Amino acid sequence: GVDPEGKGCVFSYDAIGSVERVFYNSSGTGNELVQPLLDNQLGWKQQRSMRTDVPIDEAVSLVKAAFTGAGERDIYTGDSVDICIVTTGGVKEEKFELKGD
């Protein structure tokens, strides 16, 4: 989403309904495969400062790469991903097919 200051925001939630604002997040059946990639490419855990200036096209490419890998290794990930790009100008939706079988 976009907060009142026009900055992008992500919220994580858990099974009991707790909500937390975070910079990035992954959940679901492919989480164990996607989260390490996000940590490496965005959080740069124990390497450098967290990236906060990721261009939209790079972020979308990262999402596609993460889900492509998860889709190949986790049968529950599904056959496609609905990517929602939220900006101050609105929401753009893109469907990304993972598998052709």
PDB file of N, CA and C in Angstrom:
ATOM      1  N   GLY A   1       0.799  -1.179   0.000  1.00  0.00           N
ATOM      2  CA  GLY A   1       0.000   0.000   0.000  1.00  0.00           C
ATOM      3  C   GLY A   1       0.845   1.249   0.000  1.00  0.00           C
ATOM      4  N   VAL A   2       0.204   2.350   0.177  1.00  0.00           N
ATOM      5  CA  VAL A   2       0.860   3.651   0.257  1.00  0.00           C
ATOM      6  C   VAL A   2       0.343   4.344   1.513  1.00  0.00           C
ATOM      7  N   ASP A   3       1.276   4.826   2.347  1.00  0.00           N
ATOM      8  CA  ASP A   3       0.854   5.471   3.593  1.00  0.00           C
ATOM      9  C   ASP A   3       0.460   6.925   3.335  1.00  0.00           C
ATOM     10  N   PRO A   4      -0.051   7.634   4.352  1.00  0.00           N
ATOM     11  CA  PRO A   4      -0.486   9.025   4.167  1.00  0.00           C
ATOM     12  C   PRO A   4       0.615   9.975   3.690  1.00  0.00           C
ATOM     13  N   GLU A   5       1.883   9.605   3.894  1.00  0.00           N
ATOM     14  CA  GLU A   5       2.999  10.431   3.446  1.00  0.00           C
ATOM     15  C   GLU A   5       3.419  10.099   2.018  1.00  0.00           C
ATOM     16  N   GLY A   6       2.728   9.141   1.376  1.00  0.00           N
ATOM     17  CA  GLY A   6       3.051   8.756   0.012  1.00  0.00           C
ATOM     18  C   GLY A   6       4.149   7.723  -0.104  1.00  0.00           C
ATOM     19  N   LYS A   7       4.557   7.152   1.022  1.00  0.00           N
ATOM     20  CA  LYS A   7       5.600   6.128   1.021  1.00  0.00           C
ATOM     21  C   LYS A   7       4.960   4.751   0.903  1.00  0.00           C
ATOM     22  N   GLY A   8       5.654   3.855   0.200  1.00  0.00           N
ATOM     23  CA  GLY A   8       5.168   2.485   0.080  1.00  0.00           C
ATOM     24  C   GLY A   8       5.205   1.782   1.427  1.00  0.00           C
ATOM     25  N   CYS A   9       4.262   0.883   1.648  1.00  0.00           N
ATOM     26  CA  CYS A   9       4.253   0.150   2.908  1.00  0.00           C
ATOM     27  C   CYS A   9       3.733  -1.273   2.693  1.00  0.00           C
ATOM     28  N   VAL A  10       4.227  -2.169   3.520  1.00  0.00           N
ATOM     29  CA  VAL A  10       3.852  -3.580   3.495  1.00  0.00           C
ATOM     30  C   VAL A  10       3.459  -3.959   4.915  1.00  0.00           C
ATOM     31  N   PHE A  11       2.439  -4.775   5.041  1.00  0.00           N
ATOM     32  CA  PHE A  11       2.028  -5.255   6.353  1.00  0.00           C
ATOM     33  C   PHE A  11       2.051  -6.777   6.357  1.00  0.00           C
ATOM     34  N   SER A  12       2.585  -7.343   7.419  1.00  0.00           N
ATOM     35  CA  SER A  12       2.533  -8.793   7.587  1.00  0.00           C
ATOM     36  C   SER A  12       1.459  -9.097   8.622  1.00  0.00           C
ATOM     37  N   TYR A  13       0.950 -10.301   8.577  1.00  0.00           N
ATOM     38  CA  TYR A  13      -0.056 -10.715   9.551  1.00  0.00           C
ATOM     39  C   TYR A  13       0.171 -12.176   9.888  1.00  0.00           C
ATOM     40  N   ASP A  14      -0.363 -12.588  11.018  1.00  0.00           N
ATOM     41  CA  ASP A  14      -0.229 -13.988  11.402  1.00  0.00           C
ATOM     42  C   ASP A  14      -1.602 -14.611  11.627  1.00  0.00           C
ATOM     43  N   ALA A  15      -1.609 -15.867  12.010  1.00  0.00           N
ATOM     44  CA  ALA A  15      -2.851 -16.636  12.133  1.00  0.00           C
ATOM     45  C   ALA A  15      -3.810 -16.087  13.187  1.00  0.00           C
ATOM     46  N   ILE A  16      -3.310 -15.364  14.168  1.00  0.00           N
ATOM     47  CA  ILE A  16      -4.207 -14.839  15.199  1.00  0.00           C
ATOM     48  C   ILE A  16      -4.591 -13.377  14.943  1.00  0.00           C
ATOM     49  N   GLY A  17      -4.180 -12.842  13.793  1.00  0.00           N
ATOM     50  CA  GLY A  17      -4.610 -11.509  13.405  1.00  0.00           C
ATOM     51  C   GLY A  17      -3.687 -10.365  13.769  1.00  0.00           C
ATOM     52  N   SER A  18      -2.503 -10.666  14.290  1.00  0.00           N
ATOM     53  CA  SER A  18      -1.554  -9.592  14.580  1.00  0.00           C
ATOM     54  C   SER A  18      -1.036  -9.015  13.273  1.00  0.00           C
ATOM     55  N   VAL A  19      -0.915  -7.691  13.220  1.00  0.00           N
ATOM     56  CA  VAL A  19      -0.463  -7.002  12.018  1.00  0.00           C
ATOM     57  C   VAL A  19       0.766  -6.169  12.375  1.00  0.00           C
ATOM     58  N   GLU A  20       1.751  -6.179  11.465  1.00  0.00           N
ATOM     59  CA  GLU A  20       2.975  -5.422  11.689  1.00  0.00           C
ATOM     60  C   GLU A  20       3.420  -4.799  10.374  1.00  0.00           C
ATOM     61  N   ARG A  21       3.808  -3.526  10.412  1.00  0.00           N
ATOM     62  CA  ARG A  21       4.358  -2.886   9.213  1.00  0.00           C
ATOM     63  C   ARG A  21       5.806  -3.321   9.057  1.00  0.00           C
ATOM     64  N   VAL A  22       6.146  -3.796   7.866  1.00  0.00           N
ATOM     65  CA  VAL A  22       7.492  -4.273   7.566  1.00  0.00           C
ATOM     66  C   VAL A  22       7.914  -3.726   6.204  1.00  0.00           C
ATOM     67  N   PHE A  23       9.193  -3.831   5.883  1.00  0.00           N
ATOM     68  CA  PHE A  23       9.669  -3.354   4.585  1.00  0.00           C
ATOM     69  C   PHE A  23       9.338  -4.352   3.475  1.00  0.00           C
ATOM     70  N   TYR A  24       9.410  -5.643   3.769  1.00  0.00           N
ATOM     71  CA  TYR A  24       9.055  -6.694   2.828  1.00  0.00           C
ATOM     72  C   TYR A  24       8.625  -7.915   3.632  1.00  0.00           C
ATOM     73  N   ASN A  25       7.907  -8.826   2.958  1.00  0.00           N
ATOM     74  CA  ASN A  25       7.405  -9.993   3.682  1.00  0.00           C
ATOM     75  C   ASN A  25       7.030 -11.090   2.696  1.00  0.00           C
ATOM     76  N   SER A  26       7.060 -12.297   3.187  1.00  0.00           N
ATOM     77  CA  SER A  26       6.609 -13.453   2.421  1.00  0.00           C
ATOM     78  C   SER A  26       5.847 -14.362   3.363  1.00  0.00           C
ATOM     79  N   SER A  27       4.760 -14.950   2.861  1.00  0.00           N
ATOM     80  CA  SER A  27       4.026 -15.919   3.665  1.00  0.00           C
ATOM     81  C   SER A  27       3.392 -16.923   2.721  1.00  0.00           C
ATOM     82  N   GLY A  28       2.942 -18.029   3.255  1.00  0.00           N
ATOM     83  CA  GLY A  28       2.311 -19.056   2.437  1.00  0.00           C
ATOM     84  C   GLY A  28       3.204 -20.265   2.257  1.00  0.00           C
ATOM     85  N   THR A  29       2.763 -21.162   1.383  1.00  0.00           N
ATOM     86  CA  THR A  29       3.459 -22.443   1.260  1.00  0.00           C
ATOM     87  C   THR A  29       4.874 -22.309   0.717  1.00  0.00           C
ATOM     88  N   GLY A  30       5.152 -21.337  -0.124  1.00  0.00           N
ATOM     89  CA  GLY A  30       6.493 -21.162  -0.678  1.00  0.00           C
ATOM     90  C   GLY A  30       7.370 -20.231   0.128  1.00  0.00           C
ATOM     91  N   ASN A  31       6.916 -19.826   1.303  1.00  0.00           N
ATOM     92  CA  ASN A  31       7.641 -18.859   2.124  1.00  0.00           C
ATOM     93  C   ASN A  31       9.088 -19.249   2.376  1.00  0.00           C
ATOM     94  N   GLU A  32       9.327 -20.512   2.683  1.00  0.00           N
ATOM     95  CA  GLU A  32      10.690 -20.949   3.010  1.00  0.00           C
ATOM     96  C   GLU A  32      11.628 -20.810   1.816  1.00  0.00           C
ATOM     97  N   LEU A  33      11.067 -20.747   0.619  1.00  0.00           N
ATOM     98  CA  LEU A  33      11.869 -20.586  -0.584  1.00  0.00           C
ATOM     99  C   LEU A  33      12.008 -19.122  -0.993  1.00  0.00           C
ATOM    100  N   VAL A  34      10.980 -18.327  -0.759  1.00  0.00           N
ATOM    101  CA  VAL A  34      10.967 -16.933  -1.181  1.00  0.00           C
ATOM    102  C   VAL A  34      11.671 -16.019  -0.188  1.00  0.00           C
ATOM    103  N   GLN A  35      11.453 -16.203   1.104  1.00  0.00           N
ATOM    104  CA  GLN A  35      11.994 -15.289   2.118  1.00  0.00           C
ATOM    105  C   GLN A  35      13.515 -15.163   2.067  1.00  0.00           C
ATOM    106  N   PRO A  36      14.278 -16.266   1.905  1.00  0.00           N
ATOM    107  CA  PRO A  36      15.739 -16.089   1.824  1.00  0.00           C
ATOM    108  C   PRO A  36      16.175 -15.216   0.641  1.00  0.00           C
ATOM    109  N   LEU A  37      15.474 -15.318  -0.490  1.00  0.00           N
ATOM    110  CA  LEU A  37      15.798 -14.473  -1.639  1.00  0.00           C
ATOM    111  C   LEU A  37      15.515 -13.011  -1.324  1.00  0.00           C
ATOM    112  N   LEU A  38      14.378 -12.739  -0.693  1.00  0.00           N
ATOM    113  CA  LEU A  38      14.054 -11.366  -0.298  1.00  0.00           C
ATOM    114  C   LEU A  38      15.073 -10.837   0.704  1.00  0.00           C
ATOM    115  N   ASP A  39      15.446 -11.670   1.674  1.00  0.00           N
ATOM    116  CA  ASP A  39      16.453 -11.253   2.657  1.00  0.00           C
ATOM    117  C   ASP A  39      17.762 -10.880   1.970  1.00  0.00           C
ATOM    118  N   ASN A  40      18.151 -11.678   0.974  1.00  0.00           N
ATOM    119  CA  ASN A  40      19.411 -11.427   0.277  1.00  0.00           C
ATOM    120  C   ASN A  40      19.340 -10.202  -0.621  1.00  0.00           C
ATOM    121  N   GLN A  41      18.263 -10.049  -1.373  1.00  0.00           N
ATOM    122  CA  GLN A  41      18.181  -8.989  -2.361  1.00  0.00           C
ATOM    123  C   GLN A  41      17.672  -7.661  -1.813  1.00  0.00           C
ATOM    124  N   LEU A  42      16.880  -7.694  -0.757  1.00  0.00           N
ATOM    125  CA  LEU A  42      16.327  -6.458  -0.187  1.00  0.00           C
ATOM    126  C   LEU A  42      16.889  -6.151   1.191  1.00  0.00           C
ATOM    127  N   GLY A  43      16.913  -7.143   2.051  1.00  0.00           N
ATOM    128  CA  GLY A  43      17.354  -6.914   3.420  1.00  0.00           C
ATOM    129  C   GLY A  43      18.852  -6.919   3.583  1.00  0.00           C
ATOM    130  N   TRP A  44      19.532  -7.594   2.667  1.00  0.00           N
ATOM    131  CA  TRP A  44      20.980  -7.736   2.718  1.00  0.00           C
ATOM    132  C   TRP A  44      21.442  -8.056   4.128  1.00  0.00           C
ATOM    133  N   LYS A  45      20.810  -9.073   4.694  1.00  0.00           N
ATOM    134  CA  LYS A  45      21.095  -9.468   6.073  1.00  0.00           C
ATOM    135  C   LYS A  45      22.591  -9.650   6.309  1.00  0.00           C
ATOM    136  N   GLN A  46      23.112  -8.948   7.261  1.00  0.00           N
ATOM    137  CA  GLN A  46      24.502  -9.016   7.698  1.00  0.00           C
ATOM    138  C   GLN A  46      25.498  -8.629   6.605  1.00  0.00           C
ATOM    139  N   GLN A  47      25.046  -7.976   5.536  1.00  0.00           N
ATOM    140  CA  GLN A  47      25.955  -7.617   4.455  1.00  0.00           C
ATOM    141  C   GLN A  47      26.118  -6.106   4.327  1.00  0.00           C
ATOM    142  N   ARG A  48      25.018  -5.401   4.120  1.00  0.00           N
ATOM    143  CA  ARG A  48      25.030  -3.950   3.916  1.00  0.00           C
ATOM    144  C   ARG A  48      23.736  -3.389   4.483  1.00  0.00           C
ATOM    145  N   SER A  49      23.515  -2.132   4.249  1.00  0.00           N
ATOM    146  CA  SER A  49      22.262  -1.517   4.684  1.00  0.00           C
ATOM    147  C   SER A  49      21.108  -2.008   3.812  1.00  0.00           C
ATOM    148  N   MET A  50      19.925  -2.080   4.395  1.00  0.00           N
ATOM    149  CA  MET A  50      18.740  -2.500   3.673  1.00  0.00           C
ATOM    150  C   MET A  50      18.468  -1.559   2.508  1.00  0.00           C
ATOM    151  N   ARG A  51      18.035  -2.125   1.397  1.00  0.00           N
ATOM    152  CA  ARG A  51      17.677  -1.314   0.226  1.00  0.00           C
ATOM    153  C   ARG A  51      16.273  -0.766   0.409  1.00  0.00           C
ATOM    154  N   THR A  52      16.134   0.534   0.241  1.00  0.00           N
ATOM    155  CA  THR A  52      14.809   1.140   0.353  1.00  0.00           C
ATOM    156  C   THR A  52      14.439   1.896  -0.917  1.00  0.00           C
ATOM    157  N   ASP A  53      15.280   1.819  -1.928  1.00  0.00           N
ATOM    158  CA  ASP A  53      15.073   2.596  -3.154  1.00  0.00           C
ATOM    159  C   ASP A  53      14.940   1.694  -4.380  1.00  0.00           C
ATOM    160  N   VAL A  54      14.253   0.593  -4.254  1.00  0.00           N
ATOM    161  CA  VAL A  54      14.147  -0.381  -5.344  1.00  0.00           C
ATOM    162  C   VAL A  54      13.156   0.133  -6.396  1.00  0.00           C
ATOM    163  N   PRO A  55      13.597   0.290  -7.642  1.00  0.00           N
ATOM    164  CA  PRO A  55      12.680   0.724  -8.698  1.00  0.00           C
ATOM    165  C   PRO A  55      11.584  -0.326  -8.928  1.00  0.00           C
ATOM    166  N   ILE A  56      10.422   0.121  -9.376  1.00  0.00           N
ATOM    167  CA  ILE A  56       9.278  -0.781  -9.561  1.00  0.00           C
ATOM    168  C   ILE A  56       9.615  -1.935 -10.484  1.00  0.00           C
ATOM    169  N   ASP A  57      10.263  -1.667 -11.612  1.00  0.00           N
ATOM    170  CA  ASP A  57      10.557  -2.747 -12.557  1.00  0.00           C
ATOM    171  C   ASP A  57      11.487  -3.785 -11.955  1.00  0.00           C
ATOM    172  N   GLU A  58      12.436  -3.357 -11.132  1.00  0.00           N
ATOM    173  CA  GLU A  58      13.336  -4.293 -10.460  1.00  0.00           C
ATOM    174  C   GLU A  58      12.590  -5.101  -9.403  1.00  0.00           C
ATOM    175  N   ALA A  59      11.680  -4.459  -8.679  1.00  0.00           N
ATOM    176  CA  ALA A  59      10.887  -5.162  -7.670  1.00  0.00           C
ATOM    177  C   ALA A  59       9.996  -6.224  -8.317  1.00  0.00           C
ATOM    178  N   VAL A  60       9.372  -5.889  -9.439  1.00  0.00           N
ATOM    179  CA  VAL A  60       8.518  -6.847 -10.147  1.00  0.00           C
ATOM    180  C   VAL A  60       9.357  -8.020 -10.657  1.00  0.00           C
ATOM    181  N   SER A  61      10.545  -7.750 -11.188  1.00  0.00           N
ATOM    182  CA  SER A  61      11.435  -8.824 -11.646  1.00  0.00           C
ATOM    183  C   SER A  61      11.841  -9.735 -10.496  1.00  0.00           C
ATOM    184  N   LEU A  62      12.085  -9.150  -9.329  1.00  0.00           N
ATOM    185  CA  LEU A  62      12.442  -9.941  -8.152  1.00  0.00           C
ATOM    186  C   LEU A  62      11.279 -10.836  -7.719  1.00  0.00           C
ATOM    187  N   VAL A  63      10.065 -10.297  -7.735  1.00  0.00           N
ATOM    188  CA  VAL A  63       8.881 -11.090  -7.388  1.00  0.00           C
ATOM    189  C   VAL A  63       8.738 -12.258  -8.356  1.00  0.00           C
ATOM    190  N   LYS A  64       8.910 -11.997  -9.639  1.00  0.00           N
ATOM    191  CA  LYS A  64       8.797 -13.056 -10.645  1.00  0.00           C
ATOM    192  C   LYS A  64       9.858 -14.132 -10.437  1.00  0.00           C
ATOM    193  N   ALA A  65      11.091 -13.723 -10.170  1.00  0.00           N
ATOM    194  CA  ALA A  65      12.170 -14.685  -9.937  1.00  0.00           C
ATOM    195  C   ALA A  65      11.906 -15.518  -8.691  1.00  0.00           C
ATOM    196  N   ALA A  66      11.447 -14.868  -7.632  1.00  0.00           N
ATOM    197  CA  ALA A  66      11.181 -15.577  -6.379  1.00  0.00           C
ATOM    198  C   ALA A  66      10.083 -16.623  -6.556  1.00  0.00           C
ATOM    199  N   PHE A  67       9.001 -16.242  -7.212  1.00  0.00           N
ATOM    200  CA  PHE A  67       7.894 -17.177  -7.394  1.00  0.00           C
ATOM    201  C   PHE A  67       8.195 -18.243  -8.435  1.00  0.00           C
ATOM    202  N   THR A  68       9.034 -17.937  -9.418  1.00  0.00           N
ATOM    203  CA  THR A  68       9.434 -18.959 -10.384  1.00  0.00           C
ATOM    204  C   THR A  68      10.185 -20.065  -9.662  1.00  0.00           C
ATOM    205  N   GLY A  69      11.123 -19.684  -8.806  1.00  0.00           N
ATOM    206  CA  GLY A  69      11.871 -20.671  -8.032  1.00  0.00           C
ATOM    207  C   GLY A  69      10.979 -21.452  -7.089  1.00  0.00           C
ATOM    208  N   ALA A  70      10.088 -20.758  -6.391  1.00  0.00           N
ATOM    209  CA  ALA A  70       9.188 -21.433  -5.454  1.00  0.00           C
ATOM    210  C   ALA A  70       8.251 -22.370  -6.199  1.00  0.00           C
ATOM    211  N   GLY A  71       7.758 -21.944  -7.349  1.00  0.00           N
ATOM    212  CA  GLY A  71       6.834 -22.763  -8.123  1.00  0.00           C
ATOM    213  C   GLY A  71       7.461 -24.045  -8.632  1.00  0.00           C
ATOM    214  N   GLU A  72       8.752 -24.023  -8.879  1.00  0.00           N
ATOM    215  CA  GLU A  72       9.452 -25.223  -9.340  1.00  0.00           C
ATOM    216  C   GLU A  72       9.703 -26.218  -8.210  1.00  0.00           C
ATOM    217  N   ARG A  73       9.721 -25.752  -6.976  1.00  0.00           N
ATOM    218  CA  ARG A  73      10.088 -26.605  -5.847  1.00  0.00           C
ATOM    219  C   ARG A  73       8.961 -26.888  -4.868  1.00  0.00           C
ATOM    220  N   ASP A  74       7.858 -26.173  -5.008  1.00  0.00           N
ATOM    221  CA  ASP A  74       6.735 -26.326  -4.081  1.00  0.00           C
ATOM    222  C   ASP A  74       5.453 -26.498  -4.893  1.00  0.00           C
ATOM    223  N   ILE A  75       4.872 -27.675  -4.856  1.00  0.00           N
ATOM    224  CA  ILE A  75       3.698 -27.950  -5.687  1.00  0.00           C
ATOM    225  C   ILE A  75       2.479 -27.154  -5.258  1.00  0.00           C
ATOM    226  N   TYR A  76       2.474 -26.615  -4.067  1.00  0.00           N
ATOM    227  CA  TYR A  76       1.322 -25.861  -3.575  1.00  0.00           C
ATOM    228  C   TYR A  76       1.366 -24.373  -3.944  1.00  0.00           C
ATOM    229  N   THR A  77       2.469 -23.919  -4.525  1.00  0.00           N
ATOM    230  CA  THR A  77       2.589 -22.506  -4.878  1.00  0.00           C
ATOM    231  C   THR A  77       1.584 -22.102  -5.945  1.00  0.00           C
ATOM    232  N   GLY A  78       1.258 -23.003  -6.839  1.00  0.00           N
ATOM    233  CA  GLY A  78       0.258 -22.709  -7.862  1.00  0.00           C
ATOM    234  C   GLY A  78       0.863 -22.489  -9.218  1.00  0.00           C
ATOM    235  N   ASP A  79       0.015 -22.117 -10.169  1.00  0.00           N
ATOM    236  CA  ASP A  79       0.437 -21.975 -11.556  1.00  0.00           C
ATOM    237  C   ASP A  79       0.633 -20.537 -12.006  1.00  0.00           C
ATOM    238  N   SER A  80       0.208 -19.586 -11.196  1.00  0.00           N
ATOM    239  CA  SER A  80       0.372 -18.183 -11.576  1.00  0.00           C
ATOM    240  C   SER A  80       0.405 -17.307 -10.325  1.00  0.00           C
ATOM    241  N   VAL A  81       0.863 -16.071 -10.542  1.00  0.00           N
ATOM    242  CA  VAL A  81       0.946 -15.089  -9.459  1.00  0.00           C
ATOM    243  C   VAL A  81       0.233 -13.823  -9.924  1.00  0.00           C
ATOM    244  N   ASP A  82      -0.608 -13.270  -9.082  1.00  0.00           N
ATOM    245  CA  ASP A  82      -1.221 -11.980  -9.342  1.00  0.00           C
ATOM    246  C   ASP A  82      -0.357 -10.927  -8.652  1.00  0.00           C
ATOM    247  N   ILE A  83       0.313 -10.112  -9.447  1.00  0.00           N
ATOM    248  CA  ILE A  83       1.199  -9.074  -8.914  1.00  0.00           C
ATOM    249  C   ILE A  83       0.433  -7.759  -8.917  1.00  0.00           C
ATOM    250  N   CYS A  84       0.336  -7.135  -7.765  1.00  0.00           N
ATOM    251  CA  CYS A  84      -0.337  -5.839  -7.642  1.00  0.00           C
ATOM    252  C   CYS A  84       0.721  -4.778  -7.351  1.00  0.00           C
ATOM    253  N   ILE A  85       0.816  -3.806  -8.230  1.00  0.00           N
ATOM    254  CA  ILE A  85       1.779  -2.717  -8.080  1.00  0.00           C
ATOM    255  C   ILE A  85       0.998  -1.505  -7.575  1.00  0.00           C
ATOM    256  N   VAL A  86       1.249  -1.144  -6.318  1.00  0.00           N
ATOM    257  CA  VAL A  86       0.502  -0.066  -5.664  1.00  0.00           C
ATOM    258  C   VAL A  86       1.382   1.170  -5.589  1.00  0.00           C
ATOM    259  N   THR A  87       0.904   2.267  -6.176  1.00  0.00           N
ATOM    260  CA  THR A  87       1.615   3.547  -6.124  1.00  0.00           C
ATOM    261  C   THR A  87       0.622   4.637  -5.739  1.00  0.00           C
ATOM    262  N   THR A  88       1.111   5.842  -5.585  1.00  0.00           N
ATOM    263  CA  THR A  88       0.203   6.955  -5.292  1.00  0.00           C
ATOM    264  C   THR A  88      -0.742   7.209  -6.458  1.00  0.00           C
ATOM    265  N   GLY A  89      -0.387   6.714  -7.646  1.00  0.00           N
ATOM    266  CA  GLY A  89      -1.234   6.879  -8.820  1.00  0.00           C
ATOM    267  C   GLY A  89      -2.305   5.822  -8.974  1.00  0.00           C
ATOM    268  N   GLY A  90      -2.300   4.818  -8.113  1.00  0.00           N
ATOM    269  CA  GLY A  90      -3.310   3.768  -8.190  1.00  0.00           C
ATOM    270  C   GLY A  90      -2.707   2.381  -8.127  1.00  0.00           C
ATOM    271  N   VAL A  91      -3.489   1.405  -8.547  1.00  0.00           N
ATOM    272  CA  VAL A  91      -3.078   0.006  -8.497  1.00  0.00           C
ATOM    273  C   VAL A  91      -3.073  -0.566  -9.906  1.00  0.00           C
ATOM    274  N   LYS A  92      -1.969  -1.212 -10.256  1.00  0.00           N
ATOM    275  CA  LYS A  92      -1.853  -1.906 -11.539  1.00  0.00           C
ATOM    276  C   LYS A  92      -1.700  -3.388 -11.222  1.00  0.00           C
ATOM    277  N   GLU A  93      -2.491  -4.225 -11.883  1.00  0.00           N
ATOM    278  CA  GLU A  93      -2.420  -5.665 -11.659  1.00  0.00           C
ATOM    279  C   GLU A  93      -1.807  -6.353 -12.868  1.00  0.00           C
ATOM    280  N   GLU A  94      -0.973  -7.353 -12.582  1.00  0.00           N
ATOM    281  CA  GLU A  94      -0.328  -8.133 -13.637  1.00  0.00           C
ATOM    282  C   GLU A  94      -0.377  -9.601 -13.254  1.00  0.00           C
ATOM    283  N   LYS A  95      -0.798 -10.453 -14.156  1.00  0.00           N
ATOM    284  CA  LYS A  95      -0.815 -11.898 -13.916  1.00  0.00           C
ATOM    285  C   LYS A  95       0.451 -12.488 -14.521  1.00  0.00           C
ATOM    286  N   PHE A  96       1.202 -13.261 -13.730  1.00  0.00           N
ATOM    287  CA  PHE A  96       2.432 -13.881 -14.166  1.00  0.00           C
ATOM    288  C   PHE A  96       2.264 -15.396 -14.104  1.00  0.00           C
ATOM    289  N   GLU A  97       2.306 -16.031 -15.267  1.00  0.00           N
ATOM    290  CA  GLU A  97       2.164 -17.489 -15.342  1.00  0.00           C
ATOM    291  C   GLU A  97       3.461 -18.157 -14.926  1.00  0.00           C
ATOM    292  N   LEU A  98       3.369 -19.153 -14.031  1.00  0.00           N
ATOM    293  CA  LEU A  98       4.542 -19.860 -13.555  1.00  0.00           C
ATOM    294  C   LEU A  98       4.802 -21.136 -14.338  1.00  0.00           C
ATOM    295  N   LYS A  99       3.754 -21.868 -14.621  1.00  0.00           N
ATOM    296  CA  LYS A  99       3.897 -23.185 -15.240  1.00  0.00           C
ATOM    297  C   LYS A  99       2.962 -23.308 -16.420  1.00  0.00           C
ATOM    298  N   GLY A 100       3.397 -24.050 -17.411  1.00  0.00           N
ATOM    299  CA  GLY A 100       2.561 -24.274 -18.567  1.00  0.00           C
ATOM    300  C   GLY A 100       1.928 -25.648 -18.581  1.00  0.00           C
ATOM    301  N   ASP A 101       2.175 -26.440 -17.539  1.00  0.00           N
ATOM    302  CA  ASP A 101       1.615 -27.793 -17.524  1.00  0.00           C
ATOM    303  C   ASP A 101       0.400 -27.919 -16.667  1.00  0.00           C
TER     304      ASP A 101
END
